[in-house]
Amino acid sequence: MTNITCHYRLAGSSTFIAQAMTTTVLDRKTLTARAVLPAFPAEAKGPVEYYLDFKFSGVYNQQGSPTDPISVPLR
């Protein structure tokens, strides 16, 4: 996997923000990817929505999409 990018927004926002992800190879079969998002305002409500895009063996892929993002509640 290469060129891994997390696109995120607060639910209700019209625009996603792109954040490059850093990768760590744990072993021959395991790769982790991490994106550090900035702090959200204390008054932020609703979930964070995101999708990922990346290349795998030179082929472009997505997990989630701009029209069907993955949703995670804020705590």
C-alpha atoms as a PDB file:
ATOM      1  CA  MET A   1       0.000   0.000   0.000  1.00  0.00           C
ATOM      2  CA  THR A   2       1.197   3.482  -0.843  1.00  0.00           C
ATOM      3  CA  ASN A   3      -0.145   7.037  -0.951  1.00  0.00           C
ATOM      4  CA  ILE A   4      -2.599   6.472   1.920  1.00  0.00           C
ATOM      5  CA  THR A   5      -4.733   9.559   2.600  1.00  0.00           C
ATOM      6  CA  CYS A   6      -7.482  10.115   5.173  1.00  0.00           C
ATOM      7  CA  HIS A   7     -10.206  12.571   4.116  1.00  0.00           C
ATOM      8  CA  TYR A   8     -12.210  13.780   7.142  1.00  0.00           C
ATOM      9  CA  ARG A   9     -14.855  16.303   8.179  1.00  0.00           C
ATOM     10  CA  LEU A  10     -17.347  16.966  10.938  1.00  0.00           C
ATOM     11  CA  ALA A  11     -20.770  15.659   9.941  1.00  0.00           C
ATOM     12  CA  GLY A  12     -22.732  18.399   8.201  1.00  0.00           C
ATOM     13  CA  SER A  13     -19.645  20.074   6.747  1.00  0.00           C
ATOM     14  CA  SER A  14     -19.593  20.231   2.968  1.00  0.00           C
ATOM     15  CA  THR A  15     -15.836  19.760   2.568  1.00  0.00           C
ATOM     16  CA  PHE A  16     -13.425  16.976   3.442  1.00  0.00           C
ATOM     17  CA  ILE A  17      -9.891  17.825   4.595  1.00  0.00           C
ATOM     18  CA  ALA A  18      -7.100  15.565   3.279  1.00  0.00           C
ATOM     19  CA  GLN A  19      -4.480  14.304   5.719  1.00  0.00           C
ATOM     20  CA  ALA A  20      -1.571  12.113   4.572  1.00  0.00           C
ATOM     21  CA  MET A  21      -1.121   9.001   6.682  1.00  0.00           C
ATOM     22  CA  THR A  22       2.179   7.649   7.954  1.00  0.00           C
ATOM     23  CA  THR A  23       2.817   3.939   7.639  1.00  0.00           C
ATOM     24  CA  THR A  24       4.735   1.425   9.708  1.00  0.00           C
ATOM     25  CA  VAL A  25       5.566  -2.052   8.487  1.00  0.00           C
ATOM     26  CA  LEU A  26       5.206  -4.449  11.426  1.00  0.00           C
ATOM     27  CA  ASP A  27       6.123  -7.605   9.556  1.00  0.00           C
ATOM     28  CA  ARG A  28       5.867  -9.138   6.086  1.00  0.00           C
ATOM     29  CA  LYS A  29       2.044  -9.265   6.267  1.00  0.00           C
ATOM     30  CA  THR A  30       1.138  -6.301   8.476  1.00  0.00           C
ATOM     31  CA  LEU A  31       1.174  -2.579   7.743  1.00  0.00           C
ATOM     32  CA  THR A  32      -0.347   0.083   9.990  1.00  0.00           C
ATOM     33  CA  ALA A  33      -1.376   3.539   8.827  1.00  0.00           C
ATOM     34  CA  ARG A  34      -1.934   6.537  11.100  1.00  0.00           C
ATOM     35  CA  ALA A  35      -3.317  10.029  10.627  1.00  0.00           C
ATOM     36  CA  VAL A  36      -3.161  12.600  13.414  1.00  0.00           C
ATOM     37  CA  LEU A  37      -6.166  14.912  13.145  1.00  0.00           C
ATOM     38  CA  PRO A  38      -6.179  18.340  14.764  1.00  0.00           C
ATOM     39  CA  ALA A  39      -8.298  18.869  17.866  1.00  0.00           C
ATOM     40  CA  PHE A  40     -11.937  19.649  17.178  1.00  0.00           C
ATOM     41  CA  PRO A  41     -13.616  22.581  18.975  1.00  0.00           C
ATOM     42  CA  ALA A  42     -15.130  21.653  22.352  1.00  0.00           C
ATOM     43  CA  GLU A  43     -18.573  22.676  21.082  1.00  0.00           C
ATOM     44  CA  ALA A  44     -18.339  20.345  18.045  1.00  0.00           C
ATOM     45  CA  LYS A  45     -21.317  18.033  17.810  1.00  0.00           C
ATOM     46  CA  GLY A  46     -22.077  15.013  15.709  1.00  0.00           C
ATOM     47  CA  PRO A  47     -19.742  12.389  14.320  1.00  0.00           C
ATOM     48  CA  VAL A  48     -16.524  12.680  12.368  1.00  0.00           C
ATOM     49  CA  GLU A  49     -16.916  11.302   8.857  1.00  0.00           C
ATOM     50  CA  TYR A  50     -13.987   9.972   6.865  1.00  0.00           C
ATOM     51  CA  TYR A  51     -12.879   7.871   3.949  1.00  0.00           C
ATOM     52  CA  LEU A  52      -9.474   6.563   2.913  1.00  0.00           C
ATOM     53  CA  ASP A  53      -7.835   6.339  -0.469  1.00  0.00           C
ATOM     54  CA  PHE A  54      -4.657   4.472  -1.309  1.00  0.00           C
ATOM     55  CA  LYS A  55      -2.810   2.498  -3.939  1.00  0.00           C
ATOM     56  CA  PHE A  56      -2.439  -1.243  -3.556  1.00  0.00           C
ATOM     57  CA  SER A  57      -0.140  -2.955  -6.054  1.00  0.00           C
ATOM     58  CA  GLY A  58      -0.372   0.193  -8.179  1.00  0.00           C
ATOM     59  CA  VAL A  59      -4.201   0.176  -8.280  1.00  0.00           C
ATOM     60  CA  TYR A  60      -6.250   3.029  -6.738  1.00  0.00           C
ATOM     61  CA  ASN A  61      -8.703   1.947  -3.978  1.00  0.00           C
ATOM     62  CA  GLN A  62     -11.057   3.578  -1.472  1.00  0.00           C
ATOM     63  CA  GLN A  63     -12.431   2.533   1.897  1.00  0.00           C
ATOM     64  CA  GLY A  64     -15.633   4.521   2.300  1.00  0.00           C
ATOM     65  CA  SER A  65     -16.278   7.357  -0.134  1.00  0.00           C
ATOM     66  CA  PRO A  66     -17.225  11.041  -0.201  1.00  0.00           C
ATOM     67  CA  THR A  67     -20.873  10.056  -0.738  1.00  0.00           C
ATOM     68  CA  ASP A  68     -20.805   7.166   1.784  1.00  0.00           C
ATOM     69  CA  PRO A  69     -18.200   8.052   4.430  1.00  0.00           C
ATOM     70  CA  ILE A  70     -17.398   6.036   7.547  1.00  0.00           C
ATOM     71  CA  SER A  71     -18.844   7.711  10.661  1.00  0.00           C
ATOM     72  CA  VAL A  72     -17.304   7.778  14.159  1.00  0.00           C
ATOM     73  CA  PRO A  73     -18.972   9.567  17.110  1.00  0.00           C
ATOM     74  CA  LEU A  74     -17.093  12.281  18.983  1.00  0.00           C
ATOM     75  CA  ARG A  75     -16.634  11.589  22.680  1.00  0.00           C
END
